[in-house]
Amino acid sequence: MTLAELKETARTLGMPAFTGTQIAKWLYTQHVSDIAEMTNLSKQNRERLSEEYEVGAMSPAFSQTSTDGTIKYLFPTESGQQVETVFIPDGDRATLCVSCQVGCKMNCLFCQTGKQGFEGQLTVRDILNQIYALPERERLTNIVFMGQGEPMDNLDNVMKATEILTADYAYAWSPRRITVSSVGVKNKLRRFLDESECHVAISLHSPIPEQRATLMPAERGMGIQEIIELLRGYDFSHQRRLSFEYIVFGGVNDTPLHARELVKLLQGLDCRVNLIRFHQIPGVELHGASEERMTSLRDYLTRHGIFTTIRASRGQDIYAACGLLSTAKEIADARQ
């Protein structure tokens, strides 16, 4: 709940409005697990609150730790399903990759989550619980909405979650510590750009629309050229960052032609490109590009004025790609 909702809850239950502020502090500063721990509320008010509400925190149901320190969690949801969250430590930086849906409607060719189909939206509670109940919560420096699901397809809940994460009464994070990704969803992406100050990352994967459509069916709904045209209307020259995620598939989107087309497409945009080596998933013939092709692509883009990095692969020994761990767990549970 937001502070306004907590105050309204207190008022509805016959408590002073300031009780809502006290509850917010217990939730978002103290991270209590039970209403009984809110000791500056009277016993009567705690009992009254407990009759209708609960804190709602749910511990991870399962986890796997990689040799590189990456930890992949499965968190339970309100609907009784499970969703993936990945904790990625890197020196002084610790990033959490959170999910926003169970499954996904976008059905990108290279993503295991899309193979699951769409199974439901995560509630604000489900989204925030991935942070609230994370054992490493105090170490976090950044959050990326790059887990399971398309954030723009669950925009109301994603926006409310980021509101609470950045609000003074709650987590008080700078929006610059949060990145929200998207394949591009017509009207929703514009609303996000207008109403949020968080960084934005666009899943690109090919600068050629016809090819992008074969990799990402969402191209047919909002094409990459339309996305770029929209982005050109916003200022990314100061604190807010625009990045493009580009999974590199060997022999598919790593050629000199793709490098040239990327430069044409992104020319003049204040942005960065993150090159990501493909993590193999079952039943898909795509494979990762060679180190030589990755480096060549990065160097070409850099020479032409586009800041480009090669993202280090993490957690490959623990079902690193989105959807693999939850799919494996579903299969294992079904066999029991």
C-alpha atoms as a PDB file:
ATOM      1  CA  MET A   1       0.000   0.000   0.000  1.00  0.00           C
ATOM      2  CA  THR A   2       1.010   3.604  -0.574  1.00  0.00           C
ATOM      3  CA  LEU A   3       1.041   6.045   2.344  1.00  0.00           C
ATOM      4  CA  ALA A   4      -2.305   7.470   1.238  1.00  0.00           C
ATOM      5  CA  GLU A   5      -3.814   3.979   1.229  1.00  0.00           C
ATOM      6  CA  LEU A   6      -2.360   3.173   4.654  1.00  0.00           C
ATOM      7  CA  LYS A   7      -3.837   6.385   6.084  1.00  0.00           C
ATOM      8  CA  GLU A   8      -7.211   5.567   4.574  1.00  0.00           C
ATOM      9  CA  THR A   9      -7.009   2.054   6.021  1.00  0.00           C
ATOM     10  CA  ALA A  10      -6.290   3.496   9.470  1.00  0.00           C
ATOM     11  CA  ARG A  11      -9.188   5.951   9.145  1.00  0.00           C
ATOM     12  CA  THR A  12     -11.587   3.212   8.026  1.00  0.00           C
ATOM     13  CA  LEU A  13     -10.662   1.136  11.072  1.00  0.00           C
ATOM     14  CA  GLY A  14     -11.258   4.075  13.400  1.00  0.00           C
ATOM     15  CA  MET A  15      -7.585   4.865  14.036  1.00  0.00           C
ATOM     16  CA  PRO A  16      -5.921   8.312  13.862  1.00  0.00           C
ATOM     17  CA  ALA A  17      -4.589   9.183  10.397  1.00  0.00           C
ATOM     18  CA  PHE A  18      -1.007   9.342  11.695  1.00  0.00           C
ATOM     19  CA  THR A  19      -1.268   5.599  12.361  1.00  0.00           C
ATOM     20  CA  GLY A  20      -0.897   5.150   8.610  1.00  0.00           C
ATOM     21  CA  THR A  21       2.499   6.869   8.761  1.00  0.00           C
ATOM     22  CA  GLN A  22       3.541   4.619  11.646  1.00  0.00           C
ATOM     23  CA  ILE A  23       2.529   1.519   9.690  1.00  0.00           C
ATOM     24  CA  ALA A  24       4.503   2.737   6.654  1.00  0.00           C
ATOM     25  CA  LYS A  25       7.622   3.054   8.785  1.00  0.00           C
ATOM     26  CA  TRP A  26       7.176  -0.437  10.220  1.00  0.00           C
ATOM     27  CA  LEU A  27       6.723  -1.874   6.737  1.00  0.00           C
ATOM     28  CA  TYR A  28       9.234  -0.030   4.617  1.00  0.00           C
ATOM     29  CA  THR A  29      11.904   0.968   7.138  1.00  0.00           C
ATOM     30  CA  GLN A  30      11.751  -1.788   9.745  1.00  0.00           C
ATOM     31  CA  HIS A  31      10.551  -4.536   7.379  1.00  0.00           C
ATOM     32  CA  VAL A  32       8.499  -6.301  10.022  1.00  0.00           C
ATOM     33  CA  SER A  33       7.041  -9.698   9.187  1.00  0.00           C
ATOM     34  CA  ASP A  34       3.967  -9.456  11.449  1.00  0.00           C
ATOM     35  CA  ILE A  35       1.572  -6.718  12.546  1.00  0.00           C
ATOM     36  CA  ALA A  36       2.214  -7.769  16.168  1.00  0.00           C
ATOM     37  CA  GLU A  37       5.717  -6.295  15.815  1.00  0.00           C
ATOM     38  CA  MET A  38       4.317  -2.763  15.302  1.00  0.00           C
ATOM     39  CA  THR A  39       4.803  -1.957  18.975  1.00  0.00           C
ATOM     40  CA  ASN A  40       4.002   1.774  18.908  1.00  0.00           C
ATOM     41  CA  LEU A  41       0.436   0.906  17.862  1.00  0.00           C
ATOM     42  CA  SER A  42      -1.872   0.111  20.733  1.00  0.00           C
ATOM     43  CA  LYS A  43      -2.640  -3.563  21.330  1.00  0.00           C
ATOM     44  CA  GLN A  44      -6.258  -2.887  20.374  1.00  0.00           C
ATOM     45  CA  ASN A  45      -5.238  -1.284  17.066  1.00  0.00           C
ATOM     46  CA  ARG A  46      -2.840  -4.105  16.254  1.00  0.00           C
ATOM     47  CA  GLU A  47      -5.581  -6.653  16.873  1.00  0.00           C
ATOM     48  CA  ARG A  48      -8.056  -4.667  14.796  1.00  0.00           C
ATOM     49  CA  LEU A  49      -5.543  -4.362  11.949  1.00  0.00           C
ATOM     50  CA  SER A  50      -4.690  -8.087  12.108  1.00  0.00           C
ATOM     51  CA  GLU A  51      -8.337  -9.049  11.747  1.00  0.00           C
ATOM     52  CA  GLU A  52      -8.416  -7.688   8.190  1.00  0.00           C
ATOM     53  CA  TYR A  53      -4.820  -7.374   6.998  1.00  0.00           C
ATOM     54  CA  GLU A  54      -1.419  -9.036   7.019  1.00  0.00           C
ATOM     55  CA  VAL A  55       2.065  -7.778   6.226  1.00  0.00           C
ATOM     56  CA  GLY A  56       2.109 -10.143   3.237  1.00  0.00           C
ATOM     57  CA  ALA A  57       5.804 -11.001   3.132  1.00  0.00           C
ATOM     58  CA  MET A  58       6.553 -14.488   1.767  1.00  0.00           C
ATOM     59  CA  SER A  59      10.023 -16.034   1.963  1.00  0.00           C
ATOM     60  CA  PRO A  60      11.639 -17.617  -1.110  1.00  0.00           C
ATOM     61  CA  ALA A  61      10.416 -21.142  -1.794  1.00  0.00           C
ATOM     62  CA  PHE A  62      13.627 -22.260  -3.481  1.00  0.00           C
ATOM     63  CA  SER A  63      17.065 -20.933  -4.405  1.00  0.00           C
ATOM     64  CA  GLN A  64      20.200 -21.887  -6.300  1.00  0.00           C
ATOM     65  CA  THR A  65      23.606 -20.256  -5.895  1.00  0.00           C
ATOM     66  CA  SER A  66      26.084 -20.020  -8.758  1.00  0.00           C
ATOM     67  CA  THR A  67      29.830 -20.401  -8.460  1.00  0.00           C
ATOM     68  CA  ASP A  68      30.080 -16.695  -9.356  1.00  0.00           C
ATOM     69  CA  GLY A  69      27.860 -15.655  -6.419  1.00  0.00           C
ATOM     70  CA  THR A  70      24.664 -15.097  -8.420  1.00  0.00           C
ATOM     71  CA  ILE A  71      21.594 -16.413  -6.600  1.00  0.00           C
ATOM     72  CA  LYS A  72      18.366 -17.325  -8.363  1.00  0.00           C
ATOM     73  CA  TYR A  73      15.244 -17.452  -6.210  1.00  0.00           C
ATOM     74  CA  LEU A  74      11.747 -18.754  -6.733  1.00  0.00           C
ATOM     75  CA  PHE A  75       9.233 -16.635  -4.816  1.00  0.00           C
ATOM     76  CA  PRO A  76       5.645 -17.732  -4.159  1.00  0.00           C
ATOM     77  CA  THR A  77       2.874 -15.456  -5.423  1.00  0.00           C
ATOM     78  CA  GLU A  78      -0.562 -14.584  -4.070  1.00  0.00           C
ATOM     79  CA  SER A  79      -2.091 -16.853  -6.714  1.00  0.00           C
ATOM     80  CA  GLY A  80      -0.075 -19.866  -5.515  1.00  0.00           C
ATOM     81  CA  GLN A  81       2.399 -19.863  -8.416  1.00  0.00           C
ATOM     82  CA  GLN A  82       6.136 -19.176  -8.423  1.00  0.00           C
ATOM     83  CA  VAL A  83       8.226 -16.487 -10.063  1.00  0.00           C
ATOM     84  CA  GLU A  84      11.950 -15.999 -10.570  1.00  0.00           C
ATOM     85  CA  THR A  85      14.178 -13.328  -9.039  1.00  0.00           C
ATOM     86  CA  VAL A  86      17.935 -13.088  -9.533  1.00  0.00           C
ATOM     87  CA  PHE A  87      20.419 -11.467  -7.130  1.00  0.00           C
ATOM     88  CA  ILE A  88      23.638 -10.455  -8.923  1.00  0.00           C
ATOM     89  CA  PRO A  89      26.543  -9.272  -6.734  1.00  0.00           C
ATOM     90  CA  ASP A  90      29.433  -7.498  -8.463  1.00  0.00           C
ATOM     91  CA  GLY A  91      31.942  -5.867  -6.142  1.00  0.00           C
ATOM     92  CA  ASP A  92      30.312  -2.887  -4.446  1.00  0.00           C
ATOM     93  CA  ARG A  93      27.299  -3.205  -6.751  1.00  0.00           C
ATOM     94  CA  ALA A  94      24.435  -5.631  -6.159  1.00  0.00           C
ATOM     95  CA  THR A  95      21.605  -5.800  -8.686  1.00  0.00           C
ATOM     96  CA  LEU A  96      18.261  -7.522  -8.311  1.00  0.00           C
ATOM     97  CA  CYS A  97      16.471  -8.685 -11.445  1.00  0.00           C
ATOM     98  CA  VAL A  98      12.749  -8.793 -10.610  1.00  0.00           C
ATOM     99  CA  SER A  99       9.778 -10.271 -12.443  1.00  0.00           C
ATOM    100  CA  CYS A 100       6.410  -8.648 -13.116  1.00  0.00           C
ATOM    101  CA  GLN A 101       4.342 -11.509 -14.580  1.00  0.00           C
ATOM    102  CA  VAL A 102       3.987 -15.276 -14.333  1.00  0.00           C
ATOM    103  CA  GLY A 103       4.849 -16.305 -17.858  1.00  0.00           C
ATOM    104  CA  CYS A 104       4.626 -13.747 -20.662  1.00  0.00           C
ATOM    105  CA  LYS A 105       2.426 -12.892 -23.650  1.00  0.00           C
ATOM    106  CA  MET A 106       5.285 -11.647 -25.845  1.00  0.00           C
ATOM    107  CA  ASN A 107       6.527 -15.146 -26.833  1.00  0.00           C
ATOM    108  CA  CYS A 108      10.005 -14.073 -27.944  1.00  0.00           C
ATOM    109  CA  LEU A 109      11.687 -16.938 -29.763  1.00  0.00           C
ATOM    110  CA  PHE A 110      14.755 -16.964 -27.508  1.00  0.00           C
ATOM    111  CA  CYS A 111      13.024 -16.721 -24.097  1.00  0.00           C
ATOM    112  CA  GLN A 112      11.921 -19.678 -21.989  1.00  0.00           C
ATOM    113  CA  THR A 113       9.399 -17.546 -20.104  1.00  0.00           C
ATOM    114  CA  GLY A 114       7.474 -16.992 -23.335  1.00  0.00           C
ATOM    115  CA  LYS A 115       7.311 -20.749 -23.858  1.00  0.00           C
ATOM    116  CA  GLN A 116       5.372 -21.029 -20.581  1.00  0.00           C
ATOM    117  CA  GLY A 117       2.595 -18.858 -21.985  1.00  0.00           C
ATOM    118  CA  PHE A 118       0.930 -16.139 -19.947  1.00  0.00           C
ATOM    119  CA  GLU A 119      -0.241 -17.334 -16.537  1.00  0.00           C
ATOM    120  CA  GLY A 120      -1.083 -14.094 -14.748  1.00  0.00           C
ATOM    121  CA  GLN A 121      -0.077 -10.624 -13.596  1.00  0.00           C
ATOM    122  CA  LEU A 122       1.988 -10.164 -10.474  1.00  0.00           C
ATOM    123  CA  THR A 123       0.293  -7.929  -7.924  1.00  0.00           C
ATOM    124  CA  VAL A 124       2.123  -4.994  -6.348  1.00  0.00           C
ATOM    125  CA  ARG A 125       2.582  -7.248  -3.310  1.00  0.00           C
ATOM    126  CA  ASP A 126       4.156  -9.956  -5.503  1.00  0.00           C
ATOM    127  CA  ILE A 127       6.539  -7.464  -7.106  1.00  0.00           C
ATOM    128  CA  LEU A 128       7.603  -5.775  -3.862  1.00  0.00           C
ATOM    129  CA  ASN A 129       7.891  -9.079  -2.013  1.00  0.00           C
ATOM    130  CA  GLN A 130      10.830 -10.002  -4.251  1.00  0.00           C
ATOM    131  CA  ILE A 131      12.663  -7.119  -2.580  1.00  0.00           C
ATOM    132  CA  TYR A 132      11.008  -7.114   0.860  1.00  0.00           C
ATOM    133  CA  ALA A 133      11.687 -10.799   1.561  1.00  0.00           C
ATOM    134  CA  LEU A 134      15.068 -11.003  -0.163  1.00  0.00           C
ATOM    135  CA  PRO A 135      17.743 -12.255   2.272  1.00  0.00           C
ATOM    136  CA  GLU A 136      20.301  -9.884   0.667  1.00  0.00           C
ATOM    137  CA  ARG A 137      17.935  -6.883   0.674  1.00  0.00           C
ATOM    138  CA  GLU A 138      20.300  -4.585   2.590  1.00  0.00           C
ATOM    139  CA  ARG A 139      23.050  -5.104   0.013  1.00  0.00           C
ATOM    140  CA  LEU A 140      21.008  -3.955  -2.981  1.00  0.00           C
ATOM    141  CA  THR A 141      22.212  -0.989  -5.014  1.00  0.00           C
ATOM    142  CA  ASN A 142      20.101  -1.427  -8.170  1.00  0.00           C
ATOM    143  CA  ILE A 143      16.874  -3.015  -9.356  1.00  0.00           C
ATOM    144  CA  VAL A 144      16.109  -4.012 -12.930  1.00  0.00           C
ATOM    145  CA  PHE A 145      12.689  -5.090 -14.191  1.00  0.00           C
ATOM    146  CA  MET A 146      14.200  -7.609 -16.589  1.00  0.00           C
ATOM    147  CA  GLY A 147      12.920 -10.872 -15.131  1.00  0.00           C
ATOM    148  CA  GLN A 148       9.878 -12.815 -16.226  1.00  0.00           C
ATOM    149  CA  GLY A 149       7.156 -10.857 -18.025  1.00  0.00           C
ATOM    150  CA  GLU A 150       6.785  -7.598 -19.953  1.00  0.00           C
ATOM    151  CA  PRO A 151       6.609  -4.599 -17.564  1.00  0.00           C
ATOM    152  CA  MET A 152       4.495  -2.496 -19.938  1.00  0.00           C
ATOM    153  CA  ASP A 153       1.911  -5.284 -20.020  1.00  0.00           C
ATOM    154  CA  ASN A 154       1.463  -4.931 -16.242  1.00  0.00           C
ATOM    155  CA  LEU A 155       2.120  -1.203 -16.154  1.00  0.00           C
ATOM    156  CA  ASP A 156      -0.249  -0.114 -13.365  1.00  0.00           C
ATOM    157  CA  ASN A 157       1.290  -2.538 -10.879  1.00  0.00           C
ATOM    158  CA  VAL A 158       4.854  -1.854 -12.022  1.00  0.00           C
ATOM    159  CA  MET A 159       4.292   1.913 -11.701  1.00  0.00           C
ATOM    160  CA  LYS A 160       2.818   1.570  -8.233  1.00  0.00           C
ATOM    161  CA  ALA A 161       5.710  -0.658  -7.141  1.00  0.00           C
ATOM    162  CA  THR A 162       8.286   1.857  -8.394  1.00  0.00           C
ATOM    163  CA  GLU A 163       6.318   4.667  -6.720  1.00  0.00           C
ATOM    164  CA  ILE A 164       6.690   2.906  -3.356  1.00  0.00           C
ATOM    165  CA  LEU A 165      10.346   2.100  -4.016  1.00  0.00           C
ATOM    166  CA  THR A 166      11.139   5.763  -4.657  1.00  0.00           C
ATOM    167  CA  ALA A 167       8.783   7.415  -2.121  1.00  0.00           C
ATOM    168  CA  ASP A 168      10.270   9.248   0.885  1.00  0.00           C
ATOM    169  CA  TYR A 169       7.920   7.395   3.261  1.00  0.00           C
ATOM    170  CA  ALA A 170       9.025   3.992   1.933  1.00  0.00           C
ATOM    171  CA  TYR A 171      12.325   2.849   0.394  1.00  0.00           C
ATOM    172  CA  ALA A 172      13.375   6.360  -0.725  1.00  0.00           C
ATOM    173  CA  TRP A 173      15.429   4.998  -3.617  1.00  0.00           C
ATOM    174  CA  SER A 174      16.469   7.340  -6.398  1.00  0.00           C
ATOM    175  CA  PRO A 175      14.660   6.402  -9.650  1.00  0.00           C
ATOM    176  CA  ARG A 176      18.166   6.340 -11.161  1.00  0.00           C
ATOM    177  CA  ARG A 177      18.741   3.075  -9.304  1.00  0.00           C
ATOM    178  CA  ILE A 178      15.821   1.416 -11.114  1.00  0.00           C
ATOM    179  CA  THR A 179      15.697   0.293 -14.750  1.00  0.00           C
ATOM    180  CA  VAL A 180      12.500  -0.896 -16.428  1.00  0.00           C
ATOM    181  CA  SER A 181      12.780  -2.875 -19.651  1.00  0.00           C
ATOM    182  CA  SER A 182      10.328  -3.276 -22.516  1.00  0.00           C
ATOM    183  CA  VAL A 183       9.968  -4.858 -25.923  1.00  0.00           C
ATOM    184  CA  GLY A 184       7.803  -1.842 -26.785  1.00  0.00           C
ATOM    185  CA  VAL A 185       4.054  -1.816 -26.168  1.00  0.00           C
ATOM    186  CA  LYS A 186       2.051   0.847 -27.965  1.00  0.00           C
ATOM    187  CA  ASN A 187       0.698   3.614 -25.685  1.00  0.00           C
ATOM    188  CA  LYS A 188       2.081   1.920 -22.555  1.00  0.00           C
ATOM    189  CA  LEU A 189       5.697   2.855 -23.323  1.00  0.00           C
ATOM    190  CA  ARG A 190       4.718   6.490 -23.857  1.00  0.00           C
ATOM    191  CA  ARG A 191       2.862   6.553 -20.545  1.00  0.00           C
ATOM    192  CA  PHE A 192       5.854   5.110 -18.732  1.00  0.00           C
ATOM    193  CA  LEU A 193       8.186   7.700 -20.274  1.00  0.00           C
ATOM    194  CA  ASP A 194       5.794  10.505 -19.309  1.00  0.00           C
ATOM    195  CA  GLU A 195       5.052   9.400 -15.752  1.00  0.00           C
ATOM    196  CA  SER A 196       8.245   7.728 -14.520  1.00  0.00           C
ATOM    197  CA  GLU A 197      11.796   8.983 -14.001  1.00  0.00           C
ATOM    198  CA  CYS A 198      13.304   5.484 -13.904  1.00  0.00           C
ATOM    199  CA  HIS A 199      15.830   4.408 -16.510  1.00  0.00           C
ATOM    200  CA  VAL A 200      14.433   2.638 -19.551  1.00  0.00           C
ATOM    201  CA  ALA A 201      15.893  -0.329 -21.439  1.00  0.00           C
ATOM    202  CA  ILE A 202      14.533  -1.432 -24.805  1.00  0.00           C
ATOM    203  CA  SER A 203      14.871  -5.042 -25.958  1.00  0.00           C
ATOM    204  CA  LEU A 204      16.219  -4.550 -29.474  1.00  0.00           C
ATOM    205  CA  HIS A 205      17.919  -7.771 -30.702  1.00  0.00           C
ATOM    206  CA  SER A 206      17.795  -6.813 -34.384  1.00  0.00           C
ATOM    207  CA  PRO A 207      17.766  -3.453 -36.198  1.00  0.00           C
ATOM    208  CA  ILE A 208      16.015  -5.034 -39.175  1.00  0.00           C
ATOM    209  CA  PRO A 209      12.230  -4.985 -38.601  1.00  0.00           C
ATOM    210  CA  GLU A 210      11.460  -8.122 -40.605  1.00  0.00           C
ATOM    211  CA  GLN A 211      14.051 -10.140 -38.722  1.00  0.00           C
ATOM    212  CA  ARG A 212      13.105  -8.621 -35.367  1.00  0.00           C
ATOM    213  CA  ALA A 213       9.534  -9.785 -35.979  1.00  0.00           C
ATOM    214  CA  THR A 214      10.706 -13.378 -36.350  1.00  0.00           C
ATOM    215  CA  LEU A 215      12.580 -13.114 -33.049  1.00  0.00           C
ATOM    216  CA  MET A 216      10.019 -10.938 -31.263  1.00  0.00           C
ATOM    217  CA  PRO A 217       6.369 -11.038 -32.379  1.00  0.00           C
ATOM    218  CA  ALA A 218       5.818  -7.749 -30.475  1.00  0.00           C
ATOM    219  CA  GLU A 219       7.550  -6.016 -33.394  1.00  0.00           C
ATOM    220  CA  ARG A 220       4.254  -6.331 -35.288  1.00  0.00           C
ATOM    221  CA  GLY A 221       2.427  -4.356 -32.606  1.00  0.00           C
ATOM    222  CA  MET A 222       4.986  -1.603 -32.029  1.00  0.00           C
ATOM    223  CA  GLY A 223       7.907  -1.721 -34.434  1.00  0.00           C
ATOM    224  CA  ILE A 224      11.448  -0.754 -33.511  1.00  0.00           C
ATOM    225  CA  GLN A 225      11.371   2.252 -35.846  1.00  0.00           C
ATOM    226  CA  GLU A 226       8.218   3.526 -34.125  1.00  0.00           C
ATOM    227  CA  ILE A 227       9.875   2.971 -30.756  1.00  0.00           C
ATOM    228  CA  ILE A 228      12.950   4.948 -31.807  1.00  0.00           C
ATOM    229  CA  GLU A 229      10.790   7.776 -33.136  1.00  0.00           C
ATOM    230  CA  LEU A 230       8.993   7.926 -29.779  1.00  0.00           C
ATOM    231  CA  LEU A 231      12.256   7.905 -27.807  1.00  0.00           C
ATOM    232  CA  ARG A 232      13.642  10.809 -29.839  1.00  0.00           C
ATOM    233  CA  GLY A 233      10.987  12.995 -28.228  1.00  0.00           C
ATOM    234  CA  TYR A 234      12.518  12.571 -24.738  1.00  0.00           C
ATOM    235  CA  ASP A 235      15.655  13.941 -23.125  1.00  0.00           C
ATOM    236  CA  PHE A 236      18.168  11.295 -22.069  1.00  0.00           C
ATOM    237  CA  SER A 237      21.154  13.639 -21.942  1.00  0.00           C
ATOM    238  CA  HIS A 238      21.124  14.182 -18.169  1.00  0.00           C
ATOM    239  CA  GLN A 239      20.485  11.706 -15.364  1.00  0.00           C
ATOM    240  CA  ARG A 240      17.903   9.424 -16.936  1.00  0.00           C
ATOM    241  CA  ARG A 241      19.490   6.683 -19.017  1.00  0.00           C
ATOM    242  CA  LEU A 242      18.318   4.988 -22.191  1.00  0.00           C
ATOM    243  CA  SER A 243      19.824   1.624 -23.018  1.00  0.00           C
ATOM    244  CA  PHE A 244      19.213  -1.065 -25.601  1.00  0.00           C
ATOM    245  CA  GLU A 245      19.534  -4.747 -24.762  1.00  0.00           C
ATOM    246  CA  TYR A 246      20.912  -6.738 -27.677  1.00  0.00           C
ATOM    247  CA  ILE A 247      21.173 -10.516 -27.297  1.00  0.00           C
ATOM    248  CA  VAL A 248      23.733 -11.681 -29.834  1.00  0.00           C
ATOM    249  CA  PHE A 249      22.952 -14.888 -31.734  1.00  0.00           C
ATOM    250  CA  GLY A 250      25.753 -16.483 -33.710  1.00  0.00           C
ATOM    251  CA  GLY A 251      25.301 -16.032 -37.463  1.00  0.00           C
ATOM    252  CA  VAL A 252      21.906 -14.374 -37.003  1.00  0.00           C
ATOM    253  CA  ASN A 253      22.270 -10.766 -35.806  1.00  0.00           C
ATOM    254  CA  ASP A 254      26.042 -10.376 -35.428  1.00  0.00           C
ATOM    255  CA  THR A 255      27.060  -9.551 -39.018  1.00  0.00           C
ATOM    256  CA  PRO A 256      28.605  -6.344 -40.425  1.00  0.00           C
ATOM    257  CA  LEU A 257      25.182  -5.570 -41.949  1.00  0.00           C
ATOM    258  CA  HIS A 258      23.599  -5.594 -38.490  1.00  0.00           C
ATOM    259  CA  ALA A 259      26.354  -3.368 -37.138  1.00  0.00           C
ATOM    260  CA  ARG A 260      25.767  -0.809 -39.899  1.00  0.00           C
ATOM    261  CA  GLU A 261      21.989  -0.911 -39.467  1.00  0.00           C
ATOM    262  CA  LEU A 262      22.330  -0.440 -35.705  1.00  0.00           C
ATOM    263  CA  VAL A 263      24.373   2.713 -36.278  1.00  0.00           C
ATOM    264  CA  LYS A 264      21.762   4.066 -38.706  1.00  0.00           C
ATOM    265  CA  LEU A 265      18.904   3.261 -36.327  1.00  0.00           C
ATOM    266  CA  LEU A 266      20.438   4.743 -33.190  1.00  0.00           C
ATOM    267  CA  GLN A 267      22.320   7.679 -34.719  1.00  0.00           C
ATOM    268  CA  GLY A 268      21.798  10.837 -32.672  1.00  0.00           C
ATOM    269  CA  LEU A 269      20.200   9.117 -29.656  1.00  0.00           C
ATOM    270  CA  ASP A 270      21.915   9.579 -26.296  1.00  0.00           C
ATOM    271  CA  CYS A 271      22.011   5.902 -25.389  1.00  0.00           C
ATOM    272  CA  ARG A 272      24.099   2.847 -24.672  1.00  0.00           C
ATOM    273  CA  VAL A 273      23.957  -0.672 -26.077  1.00  0.00           C
ATOM    274  CA  ASN A 274      24.442  -3.746 -23.913  1.00  0.00           C
ATOM    275  CA  LEU A 275      25.532  -6.791 -25.879  1.00  0.00           C
ATOM    276  CA  ILE A 276      24.466 -10.060 -24.233  1.00  0.00           C
ATOM    277  CA  ARG A 277      25.616 -13.500 -25.256  1.00  0.00           C
ATOM    278  CA  PHE A 278      22.662 -15.838 -25.768  1.00  0.00           C
ATOM    279  CA  HIS A 279      22.020 -18.467 -23.083  1.00  0.00           C
ATOM    280  CA  GLN A 280      20.850 -21.667 -24.735  1.00  0.00           C
ATOM    281  CA  ILE A 281      17.290 -22.821 -24.032  1.00  0.00           C
ATOM    282  CA  PRO A 282      15.697 -26.189 -24.918  1.00  0.00           C
ATOM    283  CA  GLY A 283      14.068 -26.599 -28.316  1.00  0.00           C
ATOM    284  CA  VAL A 284      15.544 -23.444 -29.893  1.00  0.00           C
ATOM    285  CA  GLU A 285      18.270 -23.747 -32.514  1.00  0.00           C
ATOM    286  CA  LEU A 286      19.772 -20.315 -31.838  1.00  0.00           C
ATOM    287  CA  HIS A 287      23.213 -20.277 -30.259  1.00  0.00           C
ATOM    288  CA  GLY A 288      25.502 -17.685 -28.742  1.00  0.00           C
ATOM    289  CA  ALA A 289      27.895 -15.636 -30.862  1.00  0.00           C
ATOM    290  CA  SER A 290      31.650 -16.102 -30.685  1.00  0.00           C
ATOM    291  CA  GLU A 291      33.816 -13.798 -28.589  1.00  0.00           C
ATOM    292  CA  GLU A 292      35.330 -12.488 -31.810  1.00  0.00           C
ATOM    293  CA  ARG A 293      31.920 -11.503 -33.232  1.00  0.00           C
ATOM    294  CA  MET A 294      30.855  -9.919 -29.916  1.00  0.00           C
ATOM    295  CA  THR A 295      34.039  -7.862 -29.759  1.00  0.00           C
ATOM    296  CA  SER A 296      33.841  -6.854 -33.421  1.00  0.00           C
ATOM    297  CA  LEU A 297      30.245  -5.651 -32.999  1.00  0.00           C
ATOM    298  CA  ARG A 298      31.120  -3.694 -29.855  1.00  0.00           C
ATOM    299  CA  ASP A 299      34.143  -2.052 -31.453  1.00  0.00           C
ATOM    300  CA  TYR A 300      32.255  -1.046 -34.598  1.00  0.00           C
ATOM    301  CA  LEU A 301      29.442   0.587 -32.607  1.00  0.00           C
ATOM    302  CA  THR A 302      31.924   2.326 -30.318  1.00  0.00           C
ATOM    303  CA  ARG A 303      33.905   3.722 -33.268  1.00  0.00           C
ATOM    304  CA  HIS A 304      30.666   5.169 -34.610  1.00  0.00           C
ATOM    305  CA  GLY A 305      29.826   7.008 -31.412  1.00  0.00           C
ATOM    306  CA  ILE A 306      27.512   4.513 -29.698  1.00  0.00           C
ATOM    307  CA  PHE A 307      28.639   3.607 -26.182  1.00  0.00           C
ATOM    308  CA  THR A 308      28.589  -0.203 -26.162  1.00  0.00           C
ATOM    309  CA  THR A 309      29.491  -2.812 -23.572  1.00  0.00           C
ATOM    310  CA  ILE A 310      29.569  -6.603 -23.513  1.00  0.00           C
ATOM    311  CA  ARG A 311      27.638  -7.768 -20.472  1.00  0.00           C
ATOM    312  CA  ALA A 312      29.398 -10.504 -18.540  1.00  0.00           C
ATOM    313  CA  SER A 313      27.440 -13.767 -18.432  1.00  0.00           C
ATOM    314  CA  ARG A 314      26.396 -14.650 -14.894  1.00  0.00           C
ATOM    315  CA  GLY A 315      24.939 -17.730 -13.251  1.00  0.00           C
ATOM    316  CA  GLN A 316      25.144 -20.035 -16.250  1.00  0.00           C
ATOM    317  CA  ASP A 317      25.401 -23.070 -13.946  1.00  0.00           C
ATOM    318  CA  ILE A 318      22.048 -22.344 -12.250  1.00  0.00           C
ATOM    319  CA  TYR A 319      19.528 -22.035 -15.106  1.00  0.00           C
ATOM    320  CA  ALA A 320      20.526 -18.427 -15.733  1.00  0.00           C
ATOM    321  CA  ALA A 321      18.191 -17.623 -18.618  1.00  0.00           C
ATOM    322  CA  CYS A 322      14.737 -16.285 -17.718  1.00  0.00           C
ATOM    323  CA  GLY A 323      12.157 -19.004 -17.215  1.00  0.00           C
ATOM    324  CA  LEU A 324      14.514 -21.968 -17.065  1.00  0.00           C
ATOM    325  CA  LEU A 325      14.478 -22.483 -13.301  1.00  0.00           C
ATOM    326  CA  SER A 326      10.720 -22.059 -12.892  1.00  0.00           C
ATOM    327  CA  THR A 327      10.097 -24.363 -15.854  1.00  0.00           C
ATOM    328  CA  ALA A 328      12.426 -26.997 -14.404  1.00  0.00           C
ATOM    329  CA  LYS A 329      10.709 -26.712 -11.018  1.00  0.00           C
ATOM    330  CA  GLU A 330       7.253 -27.100 -12.599  1.00  0.00           C
ATOM    331  CA  ILE A 331       8.406 -30.259 -14.393  1.00  0.00           C
ATOM    332  CA  ALA A 332       9.953 -31.656 -11.226  1.00  0.00           C
ATOM    333  CA  ASP A 333       6.799 -30.946  -9.195  1.00  0.00           C
ATOM    334  CA  ALA A 334       4.614 -32.553 -11.852  1.00  0.00           C
ATOM    335  CA  ARG A 335       6.683 -35.736 -11.713  1.00  0.00           C
ATOM    336  CA  GLN A 336       6.331 -36.096  -7.949  1.00  0.00           C
END
